[in-house]
Amino acid sequence: MAEVFEGVVQPVGGMFTWGVMLRDWRVLAIDGFDADLPDTDANAAEFGYAGSGENRSGYPRARVAAIHRGP
């Protein structure tokens, strides 16, 4: 299956297609997640909490984003 994929795969967007390029990188995938961190003063100051008021998260949260870029 990997050989078939490599034989037919090609970019859908070109150099000037909106959203395909990030600076000089062709973006293939973007994903992300939030991670709860230990509830320390340093983490709260650096990352903060998600939400606000009564809906605030119980722990500081770090948002992680990953970009897979192509050639």
N, C-alpha and C. Protein backbone atom coordinates (compact mmCIF):
# COMPACT_ATOMS: atom_id res chain seq x y z
N MET A 1 0.82 -1.19 0.00
CA MET A 1 0.00 0.00 0.00
C MET A 1 0.87 1.26 0.00
N ALA A 2 1.98 1.23 0.74
CA ALA A 2 2.86 2.40 0.76
C ALA A 2 3.41 2.71 -0.63
N GLU A 3 3.75 1.68 -1.40
CA GLU A 3 4.26 1.89 -2.76
C GLU A 3 3.19 2.51 -3.65
N VAL A 4 1.97 2.06 -3.53
CA VAL A 4 0.87 2.62 -4.32
C VAL A 4 0.68 4.09 -3.95
N PHE A 5 0.66 4.37 -2.65
CA PHE A 5 0.49 5.75 -2.20
C PHE A 5 1.60 6.65 -2.76
N GLU A 6 2.85 6.23 -2.61
CA GLU A 6 3.98 7.03 -3.09
C GLU A 6 3.93 7.22 -4.60
N GLY A 7 3.36 6.27 -5.31
CA GLY A 7 3.28 6.36 -6.76
C GLY A 7 2.23 7.32 -7.28
N VAL A 8 1.21 7.61 -6.47
CA VAL A 8 0.12 8.46 -6.96
C VAL A 8 -0.06 9.77 -6.19
N VAL A 9 0.55 9.87 -5.03
CA VAL A 9 0.35 11.08 -4.23
C VAL A 9 0.96 12.30 -4.91
N GLN A 10 0.25 13.42 -4.81
CA GLN A 10 0.76 14.68 -5.33
C GLN A 10 0.07 15.82 -4.58
N PRO A 11 0.71 16.98 -4.50
CA PRO A 11 0.10 18.11 -3.79
C PRO A 11 -1.21 18.52 -4.45
N VAL A 12 -2.17 18.91 -3.62
CA VAL A 12 -3.45 19.38 -4.13
C VAL A 12 -3.37 20.88 -4.43
N GLY A 13 -2.68 21.62 -3.58
CA GLY A 13 -2.56 23.06 -3.76
C GLY A 13 -1.20 23.44 -4.32
N GLY A 14 -1.18 24.53 -5.05
CA GLY A 14 0.06 25.05 -5.60
C GLY A 14 0.66 26.12 -4.71
N MET A 15 1.76 26.69 -5.16
CA MET A 15 2.49 27.71 -4.40
C MET A 15 1.60 28.89 -4.02
N PHE A 16 0.61 29.22 -4.84
CA PHE A 16 -0.21 30.40 -4.59
C PHE A 16 -1.62 30.06 -4.11
N THR A 17 -1.88 28.80 -3.76
CA THR A 17 -3.17 28.42 -3.19
C THR A 17 -3.21 28.88 -1.75
N TRP A 18 -4.29 29.59 -1.36
CA TRP A 18 -4.40 30.13 -0.02
C TRP A 18 -4.35 29.01 1.01
N GLY A 19 -3.51 29.16 2.05
CA GLY A 19 -3.44 28.22 3.14
C GLY A 19 -2.47 27.07 2.95
N VAL A 20 -1.86 26.96 1.77
CA VAL A 20 -0.96 25.84 1.50
C VAL A 20 0.45 26.11 2.02
N MET A 21 0.87 27.37 2.01
CA MET A 21 2.23 27.72 2.39
C MET A 21 2.25 28.45 3.73
N LEU A 22 3.23 28.13 4.57
CA LEU A 22 3.53 28.86 5.79
C LEU A 22 4.95 29.33 5.66
N ARG A 23 5.12 30.62 5.39
CA ARG A 23 6.41 31.18 4.99
C ARG A 23 6.88 30.43 3.74
N ASP A 24 8.02 29.76 3.79
CA ASP A 24 8.46 29.03 2.59
C ASP A 24 8.25 27.52 2.73
N TRP A 25 7.39 27.10 3.66
CA TRP A 25 7.10 25.68 3.86
C TRP A 25 5.74 25.31 3.28
N ARG A 26 5.67 24.20 2.59
CA ARG A 26 4.38 23.66 2.15
C ARG A 26 3.81 22.87 3.33
N VAL A 27 2.63 23.26 3.78
CA VAL A 27 2.02 22.62 4.94
C VAL A 27 1.25 21.39 4.49
N LEU A 28 1.55 20.26 5.12
CA LEU A 28 0.86 19.02 4.80
C LEU A 28 -0.21 18.69 5.84
N ALA A 29 0.04 19.06 7.10
CA ALA A 29 -0.93 18.78 8.15
C ALA A 29 -0.66 19.69 9.33
N ILE A 30 -1.73 20.07 10.01
CA ILE A 30 -1.63 20.84 11.25
C ILE A 30 -2.52 20.14 12.27
N ASP A 31 -1.98 19.95 13.47
CA ASP A 31 -2.75 19.32 14.53
C ASP A 31 -2.33 19.96 15.84
N GLY A 32 -3.13 19.79 16.86
CA GLY A 32 -2.78 20.35 18.15
C GLY A 32 -3.58 19.74 19.27
N PHE A 33 -3.17 20.05 20.48
CA PHE A 33 -3.88 19.57 21.66
C PHE A 33 -3.55 20.47 22.84
N ASP A 34 -4.35 20.39 23.89
CA ASP A 34 -4.09 21.09 25.14
C ASP A 34 -3.59 20.09 26.15
N ALA A 35 -2.63 20.49 26.97
CA ALA A 35 -2.09 19.61 28.00
C ALA A 35 -2.25 20.28 29.36
N ASP A 36 -2.84 19.57 30.33
CA ASP A 36 -2.92 20.07 31.70
C ASP A 36 -1.53 20.00 32.32
N LEU A 37 -1.17 21.05 33.05
CA LEU A 37 0.14 21.14 33.70
C LEU A 37 -0.04 21.14 35.22
N PRO A 38 1.01 20.84 35.96
CA PRO A 38 0.91 20.95 37.41
C PRO A 38 0.50 22.36 37.83
N ASP A 39 -0.34 22.45 38.85
CA ASP A 39 -0.89 23.74 39.30
C ASP A 39 0.11 24.47 40.19
N THR A 40 1.12 25.06 39.55
CA THR A 40 2.11 25.85 40.28
C THR A 40 1.98 27.31 39.87
N ASP A 41 2.49 28.20 40.71
CA ASP A 41 2.43 29.63 40.39
C ASP A 41 3.18 29.93 39.09
N ALA A 42 4.32 29.27 38.90
CA ALA A 42 5.12 29.51 37.69
C ALA A 42 4.36 29.07 36.44
N ASN A 43 3.72 27.90 36.48
CA ASN A 43 2.96 27.43 35.31
C ASN A 43 1.75 28.32 35.05
N ALA A 44 1.08 28.76 36.11
CA ALA A 44 -0.08 29.65 35.94
C ALA A 44 0.34 30.97 35.31
N ALA A 45 1.49 31.50 35.73
CA ALA A 45 1.97 32.77 35.17
C ALA A 45 2.38 32.62 33.71
N GLU A 46 3.02 31.51 33.39
CA GLU A 46 3.52 31.30 32.02
C GLU A 46 2.43 30.89 31.04
N PHE A 47 1.54 29.98 31.44
CA PHE A 47 0.57 29.40 30.51
C PHE A 47 -0.87 29.82 30.75
N GLY A 48 -1.20 30.19 31.98
CA GLY A 48 -2.58 30.59 32.28
C GLY A 48 -3.52 29.40 32.33
N TYR A 49 -4.80 29.71 32.49
CA TYR A 49 -5.85 28.71 32.58
C TYR A 49 -6.78 28.85 31.37
N ALA A 50 -7.39 27.77 30.97
CA ALA A 50 -8.37 27.83 29.89
C ALA A 50 -9.70 28.29 30.48
N GLY A 51 -10.49 29.01 29.71
CA GLY A 51 -11.80 29.48 30.17
C GLY A 51 -11.67 30.68 31.09
N SER A 52 -12.77 31.01 31.76
CA SER A 52 -12.77 32.14 32.69
C SER A 52 -13.87 31.96 33.72
N GLY A 53 -13.76 32.68 34.81
CA GLY A 53 -14.78 32.64 35.86
C GLY A 53 -15.02 31.24 36.38
N GLU A 54 -16.29 30.87 36.50
CA GLU A 54 -16.64 29.53 36.99
C GLU A 54 -16.29 28.44 35.99
N ASN A 55 -16.07 28.81 34.74
CA ASN A 55 -15.73 27.84 33.70
C ASN A 55 -14.23 27.68 33.49
N ARG A 56 -13.43 28.25 34.40
CA ARG A 56 -11.98 28.18 34.27
C ARG A 56 -11.51 26.74 34.55
N SER A 57 -10.49 26.30 33.82
CA SER A 57 -9.95 24.96 34.04
C SER A 57 -9.29 24.87 35.41
N GLY A 58 -9.20 23.66 35.95
CA GLY A 58 -8.62 23.46 37.27
C GLY A 58 -7.11 23.52 37.29
N TYR A 59 -6.49 23.38 36.13
CA TYR A 59 -5.03 23.38 36.03
C TYR A 59 -4.60 24.31 34.91
N PRO A 60 -3.37 24.86 35.01
CA PRO A 60 -2.85 25.63 33.88
C PRO A 60 -2.78 24.73 32.64
N ARG A 61 -2.94 25.32 31.47
CA ARG A 61 -2.95 24.55 30.23
C ARG A 61 -1.94 25.10 29.24
N ALA A 62 -1.23 24.18 28.61
CA ALA A 62 -0.33 24.54 27.52
C ALA A 62 -0.97 24.06 26.23
N ARG A 63 -1.01 24.91 25.24
CA ARG A 63 -1.53 24.53 23.93
C ARG A 63 -0.34 24.18 23.04
N VAL A 64 -0.40 23.00 22.46
CA VAL A 64 0.68 22.49 21.61
C VAL A 64 0.15 22.39 20.19
N ALA A 65 0.87 22.97 19.25
CA ALA A 65 0.50 22.87 17.84
C ALA A 65 1.67 22.26 17.08
N ALA A 66 1.37 21.34 16.19
CA ALA A 66 2.40 20.70 15.38
C ALA A 66 2.08 20.90 13.91
N ILE A 67 3.10 21.22 13.15
CA ILE A 67 2.94 21.39 11.70
C ILE A 67 3.85 20.39 11.00
N HIS A 68 3.27 19.60 10.13
CA HIS A 68 4.06 18.70 9.30
C HIS A 68 4.23 19.40 7.97
N ARG A 69 5.45 19.64 7.59
CA ARG A 69 5.69 20.37 6.35
C ARG A 69 6.29 19.45 5.30
N GLY A 70 6.07 19.82 4.09
CA GLY A 70 6.60 19.04 2.97
C GLY A 70 7.87 19.66 2.43
N PRO A 71 8.40 19.08 1.38
CA PRO A 71 9.63 19.60 0.78
C PRO A 71 9.44 20.93 0.10
